[in-house]
Amino acid sequence: MKLKIVNKSKHQLPAYSTEYSAGMDLRANIDEPVVLAPMQRAIIPTGLFIELPEGYEAQIRPRSGLAAKFGITVLNSPGTIDADYRGEIKAILANLSTEPFTINDGERICQMVIAQYAKAEIVEVEELSETVRGEGGFGHTGVK
């Protein structure tokens, strides 16, 4: 599929890092560094605008290196960009560590994964079919 993109940032277009990468890194497009204090969040712009085909979404996800090394995550992970959205892509970053973290212009802050989805037709019923699992929810299989 082709992804139409307008780049109003100072940085190169996003790209896949390896042949089998599912996500492409997005970069901060900011005029000055942003310092995230512990437990603070900020909306960081990328300067990118996309046009997705119908039936696709873009998911904004954390970068594993930032999460593991510095406790930086995408707060509403994954953030969803719908096919009819034409605004700037921004990431809600949160600092879950005990140390301040500085985000600099051009820094890779999150990744974007393009995913196909299906629309459901909602059918209201009086009851659902039975399964072996039934209503077993959180932790119902125990700890091994």
C-alpha atoms as a PDB file:
ATOM      1  CA  MET A   1       0.000   0.000   0.000  1.00  0.00           C
ATOM      2  CA  LYS A   2       1.125   3.555  -0.573  1.00  0.00           C
ATOM      3  CA  LEU A   3       1.207   6.031   2.298  1.00  0.00           C
ATOM      4  CA  LYS A   4       0.805   9.664   1.265  1.00  0.00           C
ATOM      5  CA  ILE A   5       2.803  11.952   3.548  1.00  0.00           C
ATOM      6  CA  VAL A   6       3.404  15.683   3.856  1.00  0.00           C
ATOM      7  CA  ASN A   7       6.650  16.487   5.649  1.00  0.00           C
ATOM      8  CA  LYS A   8       6.619  19.947   7.266  1.00  0.00           C
ATOM      9  CA  SER A   9       9.402  18.959   9.655  1.00  0.00           C
ATOM     10  CA  LYS A  10      13.115  19.751   9.419  1.00  0.00           C
ATOM     11  CA  HIS A  11      13.887  16.027   9.216  1.00  0.00           C
ATOM     12  CA  GLN A  12      13.905  13.185   6.708  1.00  0.00           C
ATOM     13  CA  LEU A  13      10.836  11.095   6.031  1.00  0.00           C
ATOM     14  CA  PRO A  14      10.225   8.137   8.342  1.00  0.00           C
ATOM     15  CA  ALA A  15      11.603   4.845   7.050  1.00  0.00           C
ATOM     16  CA  TYR A  16      11.828   1.224   8.094  1.00  0.00           C
ATOM     17  CA  SER A  17      15.199   0.521   9.759  1.00  0.00           C
ATOM     18  CA  THR A  18      15.472  -3.084   8.607  1.00  0.00           C
ATOM     19  CA  GLU A  19      13.905  -5.329   5.999  1.00  0.00           C
ATOM     20  CA  TYR A  20      11.495  -6.871   8.519  1.00  0.00           C
ATOM     21  CA  SER A  21      10.729  -3.824  10.689  1.00  0.00           C
ATOM     22  CA  ALA A  22       7.016  -3.450  11.404  1.00  0.00           C
ATOM     23  CA  GLY A  23       7.307   0.163  12.545  1.00  0.00           C
ATOM     24  CA  MET A  24       9.073   3.262  11.328  1.00  0.00           C
ATOM     25  CA  ASP A  25      10.599   5.739  13.758  1.00  0.00           C
ATOM     26  CA  LEU A  26       9.121   9.232  14.009  1.00  0.00           C
ATOM     27  CA  ARG A  27      11.221  12.204  15.111  1.00  0.00           C
ATOM     28  CA  ALA A  28      10.476  15.145  17.390  1.00  0.00           C
ATOM     29  CA  ASN A  29       9.992  18.369  15.445  1.00  0.00           C
ATOM     30  CA  ILE A  30      10.461  21.002  18.147  1.00  0.00           C
ATOM     31  CA  ASP A  31      12.069  24.452  18.324  1.00  0.00           C
ATOM     32  CA  GLU A  32      13.737  23.870  21.681  1.00  0.00           C
ATOM     33  CA  PRO A  33      14.395  20.871  23.939  1.00  0.00           C
ATOM     34  CA  VAL A  34      11.536  19.610  26.097  1.00  0.00           C
ATOM     35  CA  VAL A  35      12.430  18.332  29.569  1.00  0.00           C
ATOM     36  CA  LEU A  36      10.044  15.715  30.920  1.00  0.00           C
ATOM     37  CA  ALA A  37      10.192  15.517  34.699  1.00  0.00           C
ATOM     38  CA  PRO A  38       9.400  12.182  36.375  1.00  0.00           C
ATOM     39  CA  MET A  39       5.708  11.291  35.894  1.00  0.00           C
ATOM     40  CA  GLN A  40       5.224  14.247  33.530  1.00  0.00           C
ATOM     41  CA  ARG A  41       3.725  14.003  30.037  1.00  0.00           C
ATOM     42  CA  ALA A  42       3.926  16.211  26.952  1.00  0.00           C
ATOM     43  CA  ILE A  43       2.518  16.234  23.443  1.00  0.00           C
ATOM     44  CA  ILE A  44       5.432  16.232  21.013  1.00  0.00           C
ATOM     45  CA  PRO A  45       4.852  17.216  17.356  1.00  0.00           C
ATOM     46  CA  THR A  46       6.487  15.413  14.431  1.00  0.00           C
ATOM     47  CA  GLY A  47       5.736  17.803  11.559  1.00  0.00           C
ATOM     48  CA  LEU A  48       4.233  14.888   9.611  1.00  0.00           C
ATOM     49  CA  PHE A  49       0.780  14.638   8.054  1.00  0.00           C
ATOM     50  CA  ILE A  50      -0.495  11.433   6.413  1.00  0.00           C
ATOM     51  CA  GLU A  51      -3.325  10.179   4.241  1.00  0.00           C
ATOM     52  CA  LEU A  52      -4.169   6.539   4.856  1.00  0.00           C
ATOM     53  CA  PRO A  53      -6.327   4.419   2.552  1.00  0.00           C
ATOM     54  CA  GLU A  54      -9.738   3.379   3.866  1.00  0.00           C
ATOM     55  CA  GLY A  55      -9.467   0.271   6.032  1.00  0.00           C
ATOM     56  CA  TYR A  56      -6.077   1.223   7.499  1.00  0.00           C
ATOM     57  CA  GLU A  57      -4.926   2.941  10.682  1.00  0.00           C
ATOM     58  CA  ALA A  58      -1.558   4.173  11.888  1.00  0.00           C
ATOM     59  CA  GLN A  59      -0.616   3.074  15.396  1.00  0.00           C
ATOM     60  CA  ILE A  60       1.777   5.245  17.414  1.00  0.00           C
ATOM     61  CA  ARG A  61       3.805   3.061  19.770  1.00  0.00           C
ATOM     62  CA  PRO A  62       6.717   3.479  22.198  1.00  0.00           C
ATOM     63  CA  ARG A  63      10.277   2.825  21.100  1.00  0.00           C
ATOM     64  CA  SER A  64      11.595  -0.100  23.119  1.00  0.00           C
ATOM     65  CA  GLY A  65      15.024   1.499  23.677  1.00  0.00           C
ATOM     66  CA  LEU A  66      13.543   4.685  25.176  1.00  0.00           C
ATOM     67  CA  ALA A  67      11.202   2.630  27.354  1.00  0.00           C
ATOM     68  CA  ALA A  68      13.844   0.200  28.625  1.00  0.00           C
ATOM     69  CA  LYS A  69      16.697   2.661  29.141  1.00  0.00           C
ATOM     70  CA  PHE A  70      14.837   5.823  30.206  1.00  0.00           C
ATOM     71  CA  GLY A  71      11.218   4.932  31.104  1.00  0.00           C
ATOM     72  CA  ILE A  72       9.809   7.005  28.226  1.00  0.00           C
ATOM     73  CA  THR A  73       6.573   5.676  26.747  1.00  0.00           C
ATOM     74  CA  VAL A  74       3.643   6.688  24.561  1.00  0.00           C
ATOM     75  CA  LEU A  75       0.901   7.294  27.093  1.00  0.00           C
ATOM     76  CA  ASN A  76      -2.120   6.152  25.065  1.00  0.00           C
ATOM     77  CA  SER A  77      -0.237   3.276  23.499  1.00  0.00           C
ATOM     78  CA  PRO A  78      -1.005   2.476  20.879  1.00  0.00           C
ATOM     79  CA  GLY A  79      -2.337   5.813  19.762  1.00  0.00           C
ATOM     80  CA  THR A  80      -4.593   5.461  16.728  1.00  0.00           C
ATOM     81  CA  ILE A  81      -4.561   7.691  13.664  1.00  0.00           C
ATOM     82  CA  ASP A  82      -7.711   7.147  11.619  1.00  0.00           C
ATOM     83  CA  ALA A  83      -7.791   7.165   7.825  1.00  0.00           C
ATOM     84  CA  ASP A  84      -9.827  10.392   7.755  1.00  0.00           C
ATOM     85  CA  TYR A  85      -7.475  12.377  10.064  1.00  0.00           C
ATOM     86  CA  ARG A  86      -5.443  15.027   8.243  1.00  0.00           C
ATOM     87  CA  GLY A  87      -3.822  16.857  11.164  1.00  0.00           C
ATOM     88  CA  GLU A  88      -0.241  16.689  12.357  1.00  0.00           C
ATOM     89  CA  ILE A  89       0.936  13.455  13.952  1.00  0.00           C
ATOM     90  CA  LYS A  90       1.853  14.084  17.583  1.00  0.00           C
ATOM     91  CA  ALA A  91       2.908  11.686  20.321  1.00  0.00           C
ATOM     92  CA  ILE A  92       1.848  11.880  23.967  1.00  0.00           C
ATOM     93  CA  LEU A  93       5.089  10.973  25.729  1.00  0.00           C
ATOM     94  CA  ALA A  94       5.293  10.199  29.444  1.00  0.00           C
ATOM     95  CA  ASN A  95       8.318   9.847  31.696  1.00  0.00           C
ATOM     96  CA  LEU A  96       7.766   6.873  34.013  1.00  0.00           C
ATOM     97  CA  SER A  97      11.292   7.020  35.439  1.00  0.00           C
ATOM     98  CA  THR A  98      12.659   8.798  38.498  1.00  0.00           C
ATOM     99  CA  GLU A  99      14.976  11.052  36.452  1.00  0.00           C
ATOM    100  CA  PRO A 100      14.217  13.998  34.128  1.00  0.00           C
ATOM    101  CA  PHE A 101      14.523  13.213  30.407  1.00  0.00           C
ATOM    102  CA  THR A 102      15.306  15.736  27.674  1.00  0.00           C
ATOM    103  CA  ILE A 103      13.724  15.397  24.237  1.00  0.00           C
ATOM    104  CA  ASN A 104      15.754  17.118  21.523  1.00  0.00           C
ATOM    105  CA  ASP A 105      14.739  18.187  18.040  1.00  0.00           C
ATOM    106  CA  GLY A 106      15.202  15.322  15.580  1.00  0.00           C
ATOM    107  CA  GLU A 107      15.262  12.639  18.279  1.00  0.00           C
ATOM    108  CA  ARG A 108      13.425   9.422  17.439  1.00  0.00           C
ATOM    109  CA  ILE A 109      10.542   9.507  19.909  1.00  0.00           C
ATOM    110  CA  CYS A 110       8.082   6.798  18.846  1.00  0.00           C
ATOM    111  CA  GLN A 111       7.306   4.380  16.076  1.00  0.00           C
ATOM    112  CA  MET A 112       4.422   4.211  13.647  1.00  0.00           C
ATOM    113  CA  VAL A 113       2.919   0.908  12.511  1.00  0.00           C
ATOM    114  CA  ILE A 114       0.400   0.814   9.655  1.00  0.00           C
ATOM    115  CA  ALA A 115      -2.310  -1.797  10.256  1.00  0.00           C
ATOM    116  CA  GLN A 116      -5.340  -2.987   8.351  1.00  0.00           C
ATOM    117  CA  TYR A 117      -8.552  -3.338  10.322  1.00  0.00           C
ATOM    118  CA  ALA A 118     -12.061  -4.702   9.876  1.00  0.00           C
ATOM    119  CA  LYS A 119     -15.239  -2.814  10.720  1.00  0.00           C
ATOM    120  CA  ALA A 120     -17.729  -4.752  12.796  1.00  0.00           C
ATOM    121  CA  GLU A 121     -21.455  -4.812  12.195  1.00  0.00           C
ATOM    122  CA  ILE A 122     -23.033  -4.499  15.643  1.00  0.00           C
ATOM    123  CA  VAL A 123     -25.777  -7.071  16.262  1.00  0.00           C
ATOM    124  CA  GLU A 124     -27.606  -6.810  19.593  1.00  0.00           C
ATOM    125  CA  VAL A 125     -28.619 -10.185  21.063  1.00  0.00           C
ATOM    126  CA  GLU A 126     -30.141 -11.413  24.323  1.00  0.00           C
ATOM    127  CA  GLU A 127     -27.357 -13.912  25.138  1.00  0.00           C
ATOM    128  CA  LEU A 128     -23.984 -15.155  23.904  1.00  0.00           C
ATOM    129  CA  SER A 129     -22.898 -18.691  23.035  1.00  0.00           C
ATOM    130  CA  GLU A 130     -21.237 -20.784  25.755  1.00  0.00           C
ATOM    131  CA  THR A 131     -17.479 -21.501  25.763  1.00  0.00           C
ATOM    132  CA  VAL A 132     -15.152 -23.502  28.000  1.00  0.00           C
ATOM    133  CA  ARG A 133     -13.588 -20.260  29.239  1.00  0.00           C
ATOM    134  CA  GLY A 134     -16.908 -18.584  29.912  1.00  0.00           C
ATOM    135  CA  GLU A 135     -16.564 -15.432  31.992  1.00  0.00           C
ATOM    136  CA  GLY A 136     -13.007 -16.200  33.165  1.00  0.00           C
ATOM    137  CA  GLY A 137     -11.137 -12.929  32.973  1.00  0.00           C
ATOM    138  CA  PHE A 138      -8.021 -11.425  34.526  1.00  0.00           C
ATOM    139  CA  GLY A 139      -5.776 -14.138  35.927  1.00  0.00           C
ATOM    140  CA  HIS A 140      -8.311 -16.921  35.451  1.00  0.00           C
ATOM    141  CA  THR A 141      -5.676 -19.424  34.278  1.00  0.00           C
ATOM    142  CA  GLY A 142      -3.549 -19.011  37.410  1.00  0.00           C
ATOM    143  CA  VAL A 143       0.185 -18.517  37.806  1.00  0.00           C
ATOM    144  CA  LYS A 144       2.675 -21.217  36.820  1.00  0.00           C
END
